[in-house]
Protein backbone atom coordinates (compact mmCIF):
# COMPACT_ATOMS: atom_id res chain seq x y z
CA MET A 1 -101.12 48.71 23.61
CA THR A 2 -97.77 46.44 23.22
CA ALA A 3 -95.24 47.08 20.97
CA ASP A 4 -94.54 44.71 18.27
CA PRO A 5 -91.30 43.04 19.66
CA VAL A 6 -89.90 42.88 15.91
CA PHE A 7 -90.39 46.66 15.66
CA LEU A 8 -88.55 47.16 19.15
CA ASN A 9 -85.59 44.94 17.81
CA HIS A 10 -85.43 46.79 14.51
CA ILE A 11 -85.28 50.11 16.42
CA GLU A 12 -82.41 48.75 18.74
CA LYS A 13 -80.54 47.95 15.87
CA ILE A 14 -80.95 51.20 14.08
CA ARG A 15 -79.80 52.79 17.35
CA LEU A 16 -76.49 50.87 18.07
CA ALA A 17 -75.93 51.41 14.51
CA LEU A 18 -75.72 55.61 14.81
CA GLU A 19 -73.95 55.14 17.95
CA ARG A 20 -71.22 53.50 16.08
CA LEU A 21 -71.47 55.95 13.05
CA ALA A 22 -71.62 59.11 15.50
CA PRO A 23 -68.11 60.25 16.17
CA PRO A 24 -66.65 59.56 19.50
CA GLU A 25 -66.57 62.08 22.22
CA PRO A 26 -63.17 64.15 22.53
CA LYS A 27 -61.06 62.92 25.06
CA THR A 28 -59.25 65.12 27.63
CA PRO A 29 -55.60 64.78 26.55
CA ASP A 30 -53.09 65.40 29.23
CA PHE A 31 -50.90 68.27 27.31
CA THR A 32 -48.16 67.69 30.14
CA LYS A 33 -46.80 64.58 28.98
CA ALA A 34 -44.79 66.09 26.00
CA ASP A 35 -44.47 69.51 23.74
CA ALA A 36 -45.69 68.12 20.26
CA PHE A 37 -48.57 65.72 19.81
CA VAL A 38 -50.55 64.21 16.58
CA TRP A 39 -54.30 65.21 16.15
CA ASP A 40 -56.17 61.18 16.16
CA THR A 41 -59.03 62.33 14.06
CA GLU A 42 -60.71 58.49 14.52
CA ARG A 43 -60.33 58.92 18.70
CA ARG A 44 -60.82 62.81 18.60
CA THR A 45 -57.59 63.01 20.64
CA PHE A 46 -54.44 63.88 20.89
CA GLN A 47 -51.30 61.32 20.94
CA ALA A 48 -48.12 62.50 22.32
CA VAL A 49 -44.84 62.80 20.53
CA LEU A 50 -42.41 62.00 23.03
CA LYS A 51 -39.56 62.05 20.59
CA VAL A 52 -39.67 64.77 17.57
CA ASN A 53 -37.60 64.39 14.38
CA ARG A 54 -36.16 67.49 14.26
CA VAL A 55 -32.66 69.66 13.77
CA PRO A 56 -31.50 72.63 15.35
CA LEU A 57 -32.53 75.91 13.88
CA GLU A 58 -28.53 77.10 13.41
CA LEU A 59 -28.24 73.69 11.02
CA LEU A 60 -30.80 75.16 8.42
CA GLU A 61 -28.14 76.98 6.25
CA GLY A 62 -29.35 79.56 3.75
CA ILE A 63 -32.74 80.40 4.84
CA SER A 64 -31.72 82.83 7.73
CA PHE A 65 -33.64 85.39 6.67
CA ILE A 66 -36.95 83.32 6.34
CA SER A 67 -35.50 81.57 10.07
CA GLN A 68 -35.75 85.08 11.73
CA GLN A 69 -39.40 85.83 10.18
CA LEU A 70 -40.89 82.93 11.61
CA LEU A 71 -38.72 83.20 14.95
CA ALA A 72 -40.13 86.20 15.52
CA ASN A 73 -43.34 85.55 14.42
CA THR A 74 -43.75 82.34 16.94
CA GLN A 75 -41.94 84.23 19.80
CA ARG A 76 -44.70 87.14 19.35
CA TYR A 77 -47.64 84.77 19.79
CA ALA A 78 -45.77 82.85 22.40
CA LYS A 79 -45.85 86.17 24.60
CA GLY A 80 -49.34 86.29 23.95
CA LEU A 81 -49.22 89.11 21.42
CA PRO A 82 -50.83 89.34 17.63
CA ALA A 83 -48.99 86.98 15.47
CA ASN A 84 -49.85 85.72 11.71
CA ASN A 85 -51.04 82.23 10.07
CA ALA A 86 -47.77 81.50 8.61
CA LEU A 87 -47.98 79.19 4.96
CA LEU A 88 -43.96 78.49 3.98
CA TRP A 89 -44.07 77.25 0.10
CA GLY A 90 -41.61 76.42 -2.22
CA ALA A 91 -38.91 73.77 -3.55
CA ARG A 92 -38.97 70.43 -2.27
CA GLY A 93 -36.67 69.33 0.22
CA MET A 94 -35.48 72.99 1.25
CA GLY A 95 -36.30 72.75 5.07
CA LYS A 96 -39.98 73.87 5.35
CA SER A 97 -41.10 71.21 7.97
CA SER A 98 -37.90 71.55 9.46
CA LEU A 99 -37.95 75.21 10.15
CA ILE A 100 -41.39 74.76 11.87
CA LYS A 101 -40.12 72.02 14.43
CA ALA A 102 -36.85 74.10 14.79
CA VAL A 103 -38.37 76.99 15.63
CA HIS A 104 -40.78 75.49 17.97
CA ALA A 105 -38.18 73.88 19.53
CA GLU A 106 -36.01 77.20 20.00
CA VAL A 107 -38.79 79.14 21.74
CA LEU A 108 -39.23 76.27 23.96
CA ASN A 109 -35.55 76.42 24.99
CA HIS A 110 -35.32 80.17 25.16
CA PRO A 111 -39.20 81.35 26.06
CA PRO A 112 -40.03 84.75 25.69
CA GLU A 113 -41.23 86.69 28.60
CA ALA A 114 -45.31 86.07 28.28
CA GLU A 115 -47.56 89.08 28.38
CA SER A 116 -50.00 86.85 30.51
CA SER A 117 -49.17 84.79 33.28
CA GLU A 118 -52.02 82.00 31.66
CA ASN A 119 -49.54 80.98 29.38
CA ALA A 120 -49.08 77.24 29.98
CA GLY A 121 -46.77 76.31 27.53
CA LEU A 122 -46.37 76.58 23.65
CA LYS A 123 -47.12 72.90 22.06
CA LEU A 124 -46.98 71.67 18.66
CA ILE A 125 -49.84 69.87 17.23
CA GLU A 126 -49.60 68.17 13.80
CA ILE A 127 -52.66 67.30 11.74
CA HIS A 128 -52.49 65.11 8.74
CA ARG A 129 -53.23 66.54 5.48
CA GLU A 130 -56.06 64.18 4.98
CA ASP A 131 -57.70 64.95 8.15
CA ILE A 132 -57.88 68.46 7.28
CA HIS A 133 -61.42 68.56 7.26
CA THR A 134 -61.72 67.87 11.13
CA LEU A 135 -59.71 70.69 11.95
CA PRO A 136 -62.56 72.39 13.35
CA TRP A 137 -63.47 69.73 16.00
CA CYS A 138 -59.04 69.72 16.49
CA LEU A 139 -59.38 73.50 17.49
CA THR A 140 -62.78 72.85 19.48
CA SER A 141 -61.04 70.91 21.61
CA LEU A 142 -58.16 73.54 21.94
CA ARG A 143 -60.17 76.51 22.44
CA GLN A 144 -60.67 76.57 26.18
CA ARG A 145 -56.96 75.54 27.00
CA PRO A 146 -54.81 77.24 28.78
CA GLU A 147 -51.94 76.46 26.66
CA ARG A 148 -50.69 77.84 23.27
CA PHE A 149 -50.47 75.87 20.19
CA ILE A 150 -49.29 75.97 16.66
CA VAL A 151 -50.86 73.66 14.84
CA PHE A 152 -49.16 72.11 11.78
CA CYS A 153 -50.17 70.69 8.45
CA ASP A 154 -46.92 69.66 6.31
CA ASP A 155 -47.33 69.19 2.46
CA LEU A 156 -51.08 70.73 2.36
CA SER A 157 -52.79 71.28 -0.94
CA PHE A 158 -55.89 70.47 -2.61
CA ASP A 159 -56.75 68.84 -5.76
CA GLN A 160 -59.66 69.05 -8.56
CA ASP A 161 -62.75 67.49 -6.49
CA ASP A 162 -61.45 68.68 -2.99
CA THR A 163 -63.81 70.85 -1.12
CA SER A 164 -62.31 70.87 2.35
CA TYR A 165 -60.27 74.02 1.62
CA LYS A 166 -63.84 75.53 2.32
CA SER A 167 -63.92 74.81 5.79
CA LEU A 168 -60.14 75.48 5.91
CA LYS A 169 -60.76 79.12 4.83
CA ALA A 170 -63.71 79.21 7.51
CA VAL A 171 -61.53 78.10 10.53
CA LEU A 172 -58.33 80.35 9.48
CA GLU A 173 -60.32 83.75 9.32
CA GLY A 174 -64.03 83.79 7.86
CA GLY A 175 -66.19 81.65 10.72
CA LEU A 176 -68.18 83.04 13.35
CA GLU A 177 -65.74 81.81 15.71
CA GLY A 178 -63.18 81.94 13.54
CA ARG A 179 -59.36 80.87 14.90
CA PRO A 180 -59.24 80.34 18.87
CA ASP A 181 -56.80 83.12 20.36
CA ASN A 182 -54.76 80.04 21.69
CA VAL A 183 -54.13 78.65 18.32
CA ILE A 184 -51.96 79.50 15.50
CA PHE A 185 -51.65 77.49 11.92
CA TYR A 186 -48.63 76.67 10.35
CA ALA A 187 -48.63 74.97 6.98
CA THR A 188 -45.99 73.97 4.26
CA SER A 189 -47.02 73.21 0.43
CA ASN A 190 -44.81 73.18 -2.70
CA ARG A 191 -47.91 75.25 -4.40
CA ARG A 192 -48.01 78.63 -3.48
CA HIS A 193 -51.67 79.05 -3.62
CA LEU A 194 -52.00 75.50 -2.83
CA MET A 195 -53.99 74.72 -5.51
CA PRO A 196 -52.38 73.18 -8.59
CA ARG A 197 -52.10 75.52 -12.01
CA ASP A 198 -54.21 73.67 -14.05
CA MET A 199 -57.20 73.70 -11.53
CA LEU A 200 -56.90 77.24 -11.36
CA GLU A 201 -56.67 77.60 -15.24
CA ASN A 202 -59.74 75.34 -15.76
CA GLU A 203 -61.79 77.57 -13.49
CA ARG A 204 -60.63 80.37 -15.39
CA SER A 205 -61.54 79.19 -18.22
CA THR A 206 -65.03 77.57 -17.60
CA ALA A 207 -66.88 79.48 -15.09
CA ILE A 208 -69.57 82.18 -15.85
CA ALA A 209 -67.57 84.47 -13.88
CA PRO A 210 -63.77 83.54 -14.24
CA SER A 211 -62.18 86.27 -11.55
CA GLU A 212 -64.74 85.26 -9.05
CA ALA A 213 -64.49 81.63 -9.53
CA VAL A 214 -60.32 81.72 -9.36
CA GLU A 215 -60.61 84.30 -6.51
CA GLU A 216 -62.58 81.41 -4.40
CA LYS A 217 -59.64 79.18 -4.88
CA VAL A 218 -56.76 81.69 -4.48
CA SER A 219 -58.32 83.64 -1.40
CA LEU A 220 -57.48 80.25 0.56
CA SER A 221 -53.80 81.54 0.68
CA ASP A 222 -54.81 84.83 1.46
CA ARG A 223 -55.86 83.37 4.99
CA PHE A 224 -52.05 83.05 5.51
CA GLY A 225 -50.34 86.15 6.70
CA LEU A 226 -47.29 85.54 6.50
CA TRP A 227 -45.72 84.03 3.16
CA LEU A 228 -42.68 82.31 2.98
CA GLY A 229 -40.83 81.17 0.23
CA PHE A 230 -38.32 78.55 -0.15
CA HIS A 231 -36.30 78.26 -3.85
CA LYS A 232 -33.76 76.21 -4.95
CA GLY A 233 -30.11 75.90 -3.24
CA SER A 234 -27.50 77.09 -5.33
CA GLN A 235 -24.37 74.82 -5.24
CA ASP A 236 -22.86 77.07 -2.52
CA GLN A 237 -25.70 76.79 -0.19
CA TYR A 238 -26.02 73.27 -0.47
CA LEU A 239 -22.56 72.78 0.28
CA LYS A 240 -22.72 75.67 3.48
CA MET A 241 -25.42 72.91 4.39
CA VAL A 242 -23.24 69.75 4.22
CA ARG A 243 -20.31 71.19 5.87
CA GLY A 244 -22.99 72.67 8.68
CA TYR A 245 -23.68 69.03 9.71
CA ALA A 246 -20.29 67.70 8.97
CA ARG A 247 -19.39 70.27 11.80
CA TYR A 248 -22.21 69.65 14.03
CA HIS A 249 -21.84 65.93 13.86
CA ALA A 250 -18.35 66.05 14.65
CA LEU A 251 -16.88 63.86 11.00
CA LYS A 252 -13.37 63.32 10.28
CA ILE A 253 -13.06 64.31 6.97
CA ASN A 254 -11.07 66.27 5.12
CA ASP A 255 -13.35 69.52 3.70
CA LYS A 256 -12.09 69.04 0.02
CA VAL A 257 -12.94 65.34 -0.04
CA LEU A 258 -15.95 66.65 1.78
CA CYS A 259 -16.98 68.69 -1.16
CA GLU A 260 -16.00 66.72 -3.63
CA GLU A 261 -18.24 63.92 -2.36
CA ALA A 262 -20.69 65.76 -1.73
CA LEU A 263 -21.28 67.33 -4.93
CA ALA A 264 -21.03 63.90 -6.52
CA TRP A 265 -23.93 62.90 -4.40
CA ALA A 266 -26.25 65.65 -5.78
CA ILE A 267 -25.26 65.09 -9.30
CA ALA A 268 -26.47 61.66 -8.80
CA ARG A 269 -29.81 62.80 -6.87
CA GLY A 270 -30.41 65.53 -9.47
CA SER A 271 -30.76 68.01 -6.91
CA ARG A 272 -28.94 70.60 -4.43
CA SER A 273 -31.64 70.55 -1.45
CA GLY A 274 -31.39 70.43 2.45
CA ARG A 275 -33.01 66.88 2.37
CA VAL A 276 -30.00 65.86 -0.07
CA ALA A 277 -27.29 67.24 1.83
CA TRP A 278 -28.89 65.46 5.16
CA GLN A 279 -29.10 62.35 3.11
CA PHE A 280 -25.29 62.47 1.97
CA ILE A 281 -24.36 63.11 5.59
CA GLN A 282 -26.35 60.09 6.89
CA ASP A 283 -24.55 58.16 4.37
CA LEU A 284 -21.02 59.59 4.51
CA ALA A 285 -21.31 58.81 8.73
CA GLY A 286 -22.10 55.07 7.86
CA ARG A 287 -19.33 55.06 5.78
CA LEU A 288 -17.12 56.28 8.10
CA GLY A 289 -18.52 54.31 11.15
CA GLN A 290 -19.33 57.05 13.06
CA ASP A 291 -22.89 57.74 14.95
CA LEU A 292 -24.66 61.23 14.47
CA LYS A 293 -25.82 63.36 17.14
CA HIS A 294 -29.66 63.00 17.73
CA SER A 295 -31.36 66.46 18.67
């Protein structure tokens, strides 16, 4: 019995449509190209970042205790020793993502002695917030690699109808496979529990078992063994940041004038954060006609 050509044509169209919908096979990345990469969720591969936008660790003033904690955790991990996932949370513009990139560079420049000869380098992988649901695919691509990886998500948070936090919980600790031994996860967030307060309060007021509903949401942040809190900068801390930048970039300006202009800039912006300090330095360097060093 000969099959109907029209029927076969429909079957072929369906097959082609399913092939287009199916995720592409992951491409084997060349991790020798760079020290940092961005996870490309569409192609399921890693795009090399040849020049990372970061500042030296010593320029992150006012957060030395936090810096040392994250640096020590990262050094232990790079040596092949146990280390924790880290959540950097708190005030905007105080150097959360800058610290992760600076610590990565510090470990690259001063690598600790590895416990295992299989350690083939420490790579930084950035995954975008909107792609967090593809994190399992990302980790699967890294699991058998000889390198060690910091997978980093900036400004991680979840809204009312977002359920991708459940897959993140499973990946970090609770799944069958869990986090690969050669991967550690660092995230930054303005929220301590990664969820807006009104979302947690709504769960508490509407759930049949309020404590269990809130625990479901809050337990995500518990997957991070290292919590590092960033608070709003004081005036002294802000001026210390400004002076540090000006000294590092050899800006030719009197200290009194520098501080007066920096404080006026902060008042106009309504903030004394590290980000505001850096924006002031860029403006000042432009007005002085000086270039800035590039790390």
